Amino acid sequence: MAYPTTIDHFPEKLNKKTDGTVYVVEEKILLTKGVYDGLLAHDNIAVPTIRLFTGSRFTGDEVSNYVVSIPDDAPWQRHIKVFASVPEVYVTYETPGDTVEADDVNFLQQAITATQTEMERYKADGLIDGGTFKKGV
């Protein structure tokens, strides 16, 4: 089977709040060999609001060994590097909402095109009849 080798996942975006209020987000991050190095799930995060704990909802121990940076080419994103001897941490932060960028739209278009290509392959192979999958396939 050509597509998908894995399921495409589209992270939910938060609509930008125009009234000055913010979303409070908690994100579970899995560490590998005591380290996580990657982008946080949402955009426009107020860096001073970032807090990390070993448990959900400000429980467990607070984690203070982390670094936050802002990518030059995407200043709405936040990159975090976490160091802790636990399998997971919970990051809490505030954001007024996400920025939808061209990469988000391009990823969606690529997934739709790949799905359409796979449907055409199914049709060509006789696995679809009149828009429905044949029984026993």
N, C-alpha and C. Protein backbone atom coordinates (compact mmCIF):
# COMPACT_ATOMS: atom_id res chain seq x y z
N MET A 1 0.85 -1.18 0.00
CA MET A 1 0.00 0.00 0.00
C MET A 1 0.89 1.24 0.00
N ALA A 2 0.65 2.14 -0.92
CA ALA A 2 1.50 3.32 -1.08
C ALA A 2 1.22 4.39 -0.02
N TYR A 3 -0.03 4.59 0.32
CA TYR A 3 -0.39 5.67 1.24
C TYR A 3 -1.58 5.23 2.05
N PRO A 4 -1.67 5.49 3.28
CA PRO A 4 -0.63 6.12 4.11
C PRO A 4 0.23 5.06 4.80
N THR A 5 1.49 5.35 4.97
CA THR A 5 2.33 4.49 5.79
C THR A 5 2.06 4.82 7.26
N THR A 6 1.67 6.05 7.52
CA THR A 6 1.19 6.47 8.84
C THR A 6 0.00 7.40 8.61
N ILE A 7 -0.80 7.55 9.61
CA ILE A 7 -1.97 8.44 9.52
C ILE A 7 -1.50 9.89 9.66
N ASP A 8 -1.99 10.76 8.80
CA ASP A 8 -1.69 12.19 8.92
C ASP A 8 -2.45 12.75 10.13
N HIS A 9 -1.77 13.56 10.91
CA HIS A 9 -2.40 14.20 12.06
C HIS A 9 -2.35 15.71 11.87
N PHE A 10 -3.47 16.35 12.08
CA PHE A 10 -3.56 17.79 11.93
C PHE A 10 -3.86 18.39 13.30
N PRO A 11 -2.87 19.02 13.92
CA PRO A 11 -3.11 19.57 15.25
C PRO A 11 -4.19 20.66 15.21
N GLU A 12 -5.02 20.66 16.23
CA GLU A 12 -6.08 21.66 16.31
C GLU A 12 -5.46 23.03 16.55
N LYS A 13 -5.95 24.01 15.82
CA LYS A 13 -5.48 25.39 15.97
C LYS A 13 -6.45 26.15 16.88
N LEU A 14 -5.90 27.09 17.62
CA LEU A 14 -6.71 27.93 18.49
C LEU A 14 -6.96 29.25 17.78
N ASN A 15 -8.25 29.62 17.63
CA ASN A 15 -8.57 30.91 17.02
C ASN A 15 -7.99 32.03 17.86
N LYS A 16 -7.44 33.00 17.19
CA LYS A 16 -6.84 34.13 17.90
C LYS A 16 -7.94 34.94 18.60
N LYS A 17 -7.70 35.22 19.88
CA LYS A 17 -8.66 36.02 20.65
C LYS A 17 -8.37 37.50 20.41
N THR A 18 -9.40 38.24 20.10
CA THR A 18 -9.22 39.66 19.81
C THR A 18 -9.59 40.54 21.00
N ASP A 19 -10.15 39.94 22.05
CA ASP A 19 -10.59 40.74 23.19
C ASP A 19 -9.54 40.85 24.30
N GLY A 20 -8.33 40.37 24.02
CA GLY A 20 -7.27 40.48 25.01
C GLY A 20 -7.17 39.31 25.97
N THR A 21 -8.12 38.39 25.93
CA THR A 21 -8.04 37.22 26.80
C THR A 21 -7.12 36.18 26.16
N VAL A 22 -6.76 35.17 26.93
CA VAL A 22 -5.82 34.17 26.45
C VAL A 22 -6.33 32.76 26.74
N TYR A 23 -5.80 31.82 26.01
CA TYR A 23 -6.00 30.41 26.30
C TYR A 23 -4.93 29.98 27.29
N VAL A 24 -5.28 29.12 28.22
CA VAL A 24 -4.29 28.49 29.09
C VAL A 24 -4.22 27.04 28.62
N VAL A 25 -3.04 26.65 28.16
CA VAL A 25 -2.84 25.34 27.54
C VAL A 25 -1.91 24.49 28.40
N GLU A 26 -2.27 23.21 28.54
CA GLU A 26 -1.35 22.26 29.14
C GLU A 26 -1.00 21.23 28.09
N GLU A 27 0.27 20.99 27.92
CA GLU A 27 0.76 20.10 26.88
C GLU A 27 1.65 19.04 27.51
N LYS A 28 1.38 17.78 27.21
CA LYS A 28 2.20 16.68 27.71
C LYS A 28 3.35 16.45 26.73
N ILE A 29 4.56 16.42 27.25
CA ILE A 29 5.75 16.22 26.43
C ILE A 29 6.47 14.97 26.90
N LEU A 30 6.77 14.08 25.96
CA LEU A 30 7.49 12.85 26.28
C LEU A 30 8.99 13.07 26.07
N LEU A 31 9.77 12.69 27.05
CA LEU A 31 11.22 12.84 26.97
C LEU A 31 11.86 11.52 26.54
N THR A 32 12.92 11.61 25.79
CA THR A 32 13.70 10.44 25.38
C THR A 32 15.08 10.56 25.98
N LYS A 33 15.43 9.61 26.82
CA LYS A 33 16.72 9.61 27.52
C LYS A 33 16.92 10.93 28.25
N GLY A 34 15.84 11.44 28.86
CA GLY A 34 15.92 12.63 29.68
C GLY A 34 15.91 13.95 28.95
N VAL A 35 15.60 13.93 27.64
CA VAL A 35 15.64 15.17 26.85
C VAL A 35 14.43 15.25 25.92
N TYR A 36 13.89 16.45 25.77
CA TYR A 36 12.92 16.76 24.72
C TYR A 36 13.46 17.99 24.01
N ASP A 37 13.42 17.98 22.69
CA ASP A 37 13.92 19.10 21.90
C ASP A 37 12.97 19.29 20.73
N GLY A 38 12.10 20.30 20.80
CA GLY A 38 11.15 20.51 19.72
C GLY A 38 10.28 21.73 19.94
N LEU A 39 9.34 21.91 19.03
CA LEU A 39 8.42 23.05 19.10
C LEU A 39 7.26 22.73 20.03
N LEU A 40 6.76 23.77 20.69
CA LEU A 40 5.52 23.62 21.45
C LEU A 40 4.36 23.61 20.46
N ALA A 41 3.24 23.05 20.86
CA ALA A 41 2.13 22.80 19.94
C ALA A 41 1.45 24.07 19.43
N HIS A 42 1.46 25.13 20.21
CA HIS A 42 0.73 26.33 19.82
C HIS A 42 1.68 27.51 19.61
N ASP A 43 1.14 28.58 19.07
CA ASP A 43 1.93 29.75 18.68
C ASP A 43 1.69 30.93 19.62
N ASN A 44 2.52 31.95 19.45
CA ASN A 44 2.37 33.24 20.13
C ASN A 44 2.36 33.10 21.65
N ILE A 45 3.11 32.14 22.16
CA ILE A 45 3.15 31.86 23.59
C ILE A 45 3.91 32.96 24.31
N ALA A 46 3.34 33.43 25.41
CA ALA A 46 4.02 34.40 26.26
C ALA A 46 5.05 33.63 27.08
N VAL A 47 6.32 33.79 26.75
CA VAL A 47 7.39 33.00 27.37
C VAL A 47 7.36 33.07 28.91
N PRO A 48 7.11 34.24 29.53
CA PRO A 48 7.10 34.27 31.00
C PRO A 48 6.01 33.39 31.64
N THR A 49 5.03 32.95 30.86
CA THR A 49 3.95 32.12 31.42
C THR A 49 4.27 30.63 31.37
N ILE A 50 5.38 30.25 30.76
CA ILE A 50 5.72 28.83 30.62
C ILE A 50 6.17 28.26 31.96
N ARG A 51 5.51 27.13 32.34
CA ARG A 51 5.89 26.41 33.55
C ARG A 51 5.83 24.93 33.26
N LEU A 52 6.77 24.18 33.82
CA LEU A 52 6.85 22.74 33.60
C LEU A 52 6.77 22.00 34.93
N PHE A 53 5.99 20.91 34.93
CA PHE A 53 5.85 20.07 36.11
C PHE A 53 5.89 18.60 35.69
N THR A 54 6.20 17.73 36.64
CA THR A 54 6.22 16.30 36.36
C THR A 54 4.83 15.70 36.38
N GLY A 55 3.86 16.43 36.91
CA GLY A 55 2.47 15.97 36.93
C GLY A 55 1.56 16.98 36.26
N SER A 56 0.38 16.53 35.90
CA SER A 56 -0.61 17.39 35.26
C SER A 56 -1.18 18.40 36.25
N ARG A 57 -1.54 19.55 35.74
CA ARG A 57 -2.19 20.62 36.51
C ARG A 57 -1.36 21.08 37.70
N PHE A 58 -0.11 21.40 37.39
CA PHE A 58 0.81 21.97 38.38
C PHE A 58 1.07 21.03 39.56
N THR A 59 1.05 19.71 39.31
CA THR A 59 1.33 18.74 40.37
C THR A 59 2.71 18.13 40.14
N GLY A 60 3.16 17.40 41.12
CA GLY A 60 4.49 16.81 41.02
C GLY A 60 5.54 17.87 41.27
N ASP A 61 6.72 17.60 40.78
CA ASP A 61 7.83 18.53 40.97
C ASP A 61 7.91 19.51 39.82
N GLU A 62 8.26 20.76 40.13
CA GLU A 62 8.47 21.73 39.07
C GLU A 62 9.81 21.45 38.39
N VAL A 63 9.84 21.54 37.07
CA VAL A 63 11.04 21.31 36.29
C VAL A 63 11.60 22.66 35.87
N SER A 64 12.86 22.90 36.22
CA SER A 64 13.45 24.20 35.90
C SER A 64 14.58 24.10 34.88
N ASN A 65 14.90 22.89 34.47
CA ASN A 65 15.98 22.71 33.48
C ASN A 65 15.40 22.68 32.07
N TYR A 66 15.18 23.85 31.51
CA TYR A 66 14.69 23.97 30.14
C TYR A 66 15.12 25.30 29.56
N VAL A 67 15.13 25.33 28.22
CA VAL A 67 15.50 26.53 27.49
C VAL A 67 14.44 26.77 26.43
N VAL A 68 13.97 28.00 26.32
CA VAL A 68 12.99 28.38 25.30
C VAL A 68 13.67 29.34 24.33
N SER A 69 13.47 29.09 23.04
CA SER A 69 14.00 30.01 22.03
C SER A 69 12.91 30.30 21.00
N ILE A 70 13.13 31.39 20.28
CA ILE A 70 12.18 31.82 19.25
C ILE A 70 12.88 31.73 17.90
N PRO A 71 12.38 30.87 17.00
CA PRO A 71 13.02 30.73 15.68
C PRO A 71 12.99 32.04 14.90
N ASP A 72 14.11 32.38 14.26
CA ASP A 72 14.19 33.61 13.47
C ASP A 72 13.19 33.62 12.32
N ASP A 73 13.00 32.46 11.68
CA ASP A 73 12.13 32.40 10.50
C ASP A 73 10.66 32.18 10.84
N ALA A 74 10.34 31.99 12.11
CA ALA A 74 8.94 31.81 12.54
C ALA A 74 8.79 32.36 13.95
N PRO A 75 8.81 33.69 14.11
CA PRO A 75 8.81 34.29 15.44
C PRO A 75 7.53 34.06 16.26
N TRP A 76 6.52 33.48 15.69
CA TRP A 76 5.30 33.16 16.42
C TRP A 76 5.41 31.80 17.11
N GLN A 77 6.43 31.00 16.75
CA GLN A 77 6.60 29.68 17.36
C GLN A 77 7.55 29.76 18.54
N ARG A 78 7.49 28.72 19.40
CA ARG A 78 8.40 28.63 20.54
C ARG A 78 9.03 27.25 20.53
N HIS A 79 10.35 27.22 20.55
CA HIS A 79 11.12 25.98 20.60
C HIS A 79 11.53 25.77 22.06
N ILE A 80 11.41 24.53 22.53
CA ILE A 80 11.79 24.25 23.91
C ILE A 80 12.70 23.04 23.96
N LYS A 81 13.69 23.12 24.83
CA LYS A 81 14.58 22.00 25.09
C LYS A 81 14.49 21.75 26.59
N VAL A 82 14.07 20.53 26.96
CA VAL A 82 13.83 20.16 28.35
C VAL A 82 14.81 19.07 28.76
N PHE A 83 15.34 19.19 29.97
CA PHE A 83 16.24 18.19 30.54
C PHE A 83 15.66 17.75 31.88
N ALA A 84 15.28 16.48 31.99
CA ALA A 84 14.73 15.96 33.24
C ALA A 84 14.85 14.44 33.25
N SER A 85 15.00 13.88 34.41
CA SER A 85 15.14 12.43 34.52
C SER A 85 13.78 11.78 34.80
N VAL A 86 12.79 12.17 34.00
CA VAL A 86 11.44 11.60 34.07
C VAL A 86 10.99 11.29 32.65
N PRO A 87 10.00 10.40 32.49
CA PRO A 87 9.57 10.05 31.12
C PRO A 87 8.71 11.11 30.44
N GLU A 88 8.07 11.98 31.24
CA GLU A 88 7.18 12.99 30.66
C GLU A 88 7.11 14.21 31.56
N VAL A 89 6.83 15.35 30.96
CA VAL A 89 6.57 16.57 31.72
C VAL A 89 5.33 17.23 31.13
N TYR A 90 4.74 18.10 31.92
CA TYR A 90 3.56 18.84 31.50
C TYR A 90 3.93 20.32 31.45
N VAL A 91 3.77 20.91 30.27
CA VAL A 91 4.09 22.31 30.05
C VAL A 91 2.79 23.10 30.02
N THR A 92 2.72 24.12 30.81
CA THR A 92 1.55 25.00 30.83
C THR A 92 1.99 26.38 30.37
N TYR A 93 1.15 27.02 29.54
CA TYR A 93 1.48 28.35 29.04
C TYR A 93 0.22 29.06 28.59
N GLU A 94 0.37 30.36 28.34
CA GLU A 94 -0.73 31.18 27.84
C GLU A 94 -0.44 31.63 26.42
N THR A 95 -1.51 31.66 25.61
CA THR A 95 -1.40 32.14 24.24
C THR A 95 -2.71 32.81 23.83
N PRO A 96 -2.63 33.88 23.03
CA PRO A 96 -3.86 34.49 22.52
C PRO A 96 -4.44 33.71 21.34
N GLY A 97 -3.70 32.71 20.84
CA GLY A 97 -4.17 31.91 19.70
C GLY A 97 -3.05 31.63 18.72
N ASP A 98 -3.34 30.80 17.76
CA ASP A 98 -2.35 30.34 16.80
C ASP A 98 -2.28 31.21 15.55
N THR A 99 -1.17 31.09 14.85
CA THR A 99 -0.99 31.69 13.55
C THR A 99 -1.02 30.57 12.52
N VAL A 100 -1.94 30.67 11.56
CA VAL A 100 -1.98 29.67 10.49
C VAL A 100 -1.04 30.16 9.41
N GLU A 101 -0.09 29.31 9.07
CA GLU A 101 0.93 29.68 8.10
C GLU A 101 0.80 28.83 6.85
N ALA A 102 1.52 29.21 5.83
CA ALA A 102 1.46 28.49 4.56
C ALA A 102 1.84 27.02 4.73
N ASP A 103 2.79 26.71 5.61
CA ASP A 103 3.18 25.31 5.82
C ASP A 103 2.01 24.46 6.30
N ASP A 104 1.13 25.04 7.13
CA ASP A 104 -0.06 24.33 7.60
C ASP A 104 -0.96 23.97 6.43
N VAL A 105 -1.20 24.93 5.55
CA VAL A 105 -2.05 24.71 4.39
C VAL A 105 -1.40 23.74 3.42
N ASN A 106 -0.09 23.88 3.21
CA ASN A 106 0.63 22.97 2.32
C ASN A 106 0.57 21.53 2.81
N PHE A 107 0.72 21.31 4.11
CA PHE A 107 0.63 19.96 4.68
C PHE A 107 -0.75 19.36 4.43
N LEU A 108 -1.78 20.16 4.63
CA LEU A 108 -3.15 19.71 4.39
C LEU A 108 -3.36 19.37 2.90
N GLN A 109 -2.87 20.22 2.02
CA GLN A 109 -3.01 19.95 0.58
C GLN A 109 -2.27 18.69 0.17
N GLN A 110 -1.09 18.46 0.72
CA GLN A 110 -0.33 17.25 0.41
C GLN A 110 -1.09 16.00 0.85
N ALA A 111 -1.71 16.06 2.02
CA ALA A 111 -2.47 14.92 2.52
C ALA A 111 -3.69 14.65 1.64
N ILE A 112 -4.38 15.70 1.21
CA ILE A 112 -5.55 15.53 0.35
C ILE A 112 -5.13 14.96 -1.00
N THR A 113 -4.05 15.48 -1.56
CA THR A 113 -3.56 14.98 -2.85
C THR A 113 -3.16 13.51 -2.74
N ALA A 114 -2.47 13.14 -1.68
CA ALA A 114 -2.07 11.75 -1.49
C ALA A 114 -3.29 10.84 -1.34
N THR A 115 -4.31 11.30 -0.63
CA THR A 115 -5.54 10.53 -0.48
C THR A 115 -6.23 10.36 -1.82
N GLN A 116 -6.32 11.44 -2.60
CA GLN A 116 -6.94 11.35 -3.91
C GLN A 116 -6.17 10.40 -4.82
N THR A 117 -4.85 10.46 -4.78
CA THR A 117 -4.02 9.55 -5.59
C THR A 117 -4.28 8.10 -5.20
N GLU A 118 -4.36 7.84 -3.91
CA GLU A 118 -4.62 6.48 -3.44
C GLU A 118 -6.00 6.01 -3.86
N MET A 119 -6.99 6.89 -3.83
CA MET A 119 -8.35 6.53 -4.28
C MET A 119 -8.34 6.19 -5.77
N GLU A 120 -7.60 6.96 -6.56
CA GLU A 120 -7.49 6.66 -7.99
C GLU A 120 -6.81 5.31 -8.22
N ARG A 121 -5.80 4.99 -7.41
CA ARG A 121 -5.14 3.70 -7.52
C ARG A 121 -6.12 2.57 -7.19
N TYR A 122 -6.93 2.77 -6.17
CA TYR A 122 -7.94 1.76 -5.82
C TYR A 122 -8.92 1.56 -6.97
N LYS A 123 -9.33 2.67 -7.58
CA LYS A 123 -10.25 2.57 -8.73
C LYS A 123 -9.60 1.81 -9.88
N ALA A 124 -8.34 2.16 -10.18
CA ALA A 124 -7.63 1.52 -11.29
C ALA A 124 -7.41 0.03 -11.04
N ASP A 125 -7.23 -0.34 -9.79
CA ASP A 125 -7.02 -1.74 -9.43
C ASP A 125 -8.34 -2.51 -9.30
N GLY A 126 -9.46 -1.81 -9.51
CA GLY A 126 -10.77 -2.44 -9.42
C GLY A 126 -11.22 -2.71 -7.99
N LEU A 127 -10.63 -2.01 -7.02
CA LEU A 127 -10.99 -2.23 -5.62
C LEU A 127 -12.17 -1.37 -5.18
N ILE A 128 -12.52 -0.39 -6.03
CA ILE A 128 -13.67 0.47 -5.75
C ILE A 128 -14.63 0.36 -6.92
N ASP A 129 -15.90 0.20 -6.60
CA ASP A 129 -16.92 0.08 -7.64
C ASP A 129 -18.00 1.13 -7.38
N GLY A 130 -18.11 2.08 -8.26
CA GLY A 130 -19.15 3.10 -8.14
C GLY A 130 -19.02 3.95 -6.89
N GLY A 131 -17.80 4.19 -6.44
CA GLY A 131 -17.58 5.05 -5.27
C GLY A 131 -17.60 4.32 -3.95
N THR A 132 -17.84 3.01 -3.94
CA THR A 132 -17.81 2.25 -2.69
C THR A 132 -16.80 1.11 -2.82
N PHE A 133 -16.25 0.71 -1.70
CA PHE A 133 -15.30 -0.38 -1.69
C PHE A 133 -16.02 -1.68 -1.97
N LYS A 134 -15.39 -2.54 -2.77
CA LYS A 134 -15.98 -3.85 -3.06
C LYS A 134 -15.91 -4.71 -1.81
N LYS A 135 -16.89 -5.56 -1.62
CA LYS A 135 -16.92 -6.47 -0.47
C LYS A 135 -15.79 -7.45 -0.59
N GLY A 136 -15.23 -7.80 0.58
CA GLY A 136 -14.16 -8.79 0.62
C GLY A 136 -12.79 -8.22 0.30
N VAL A 137 -12.69 -6.89 0.15
CA VAL A 137 -11.41 -6.29 -0.18
C VAL A 137 -10.86 -5.63 1.07
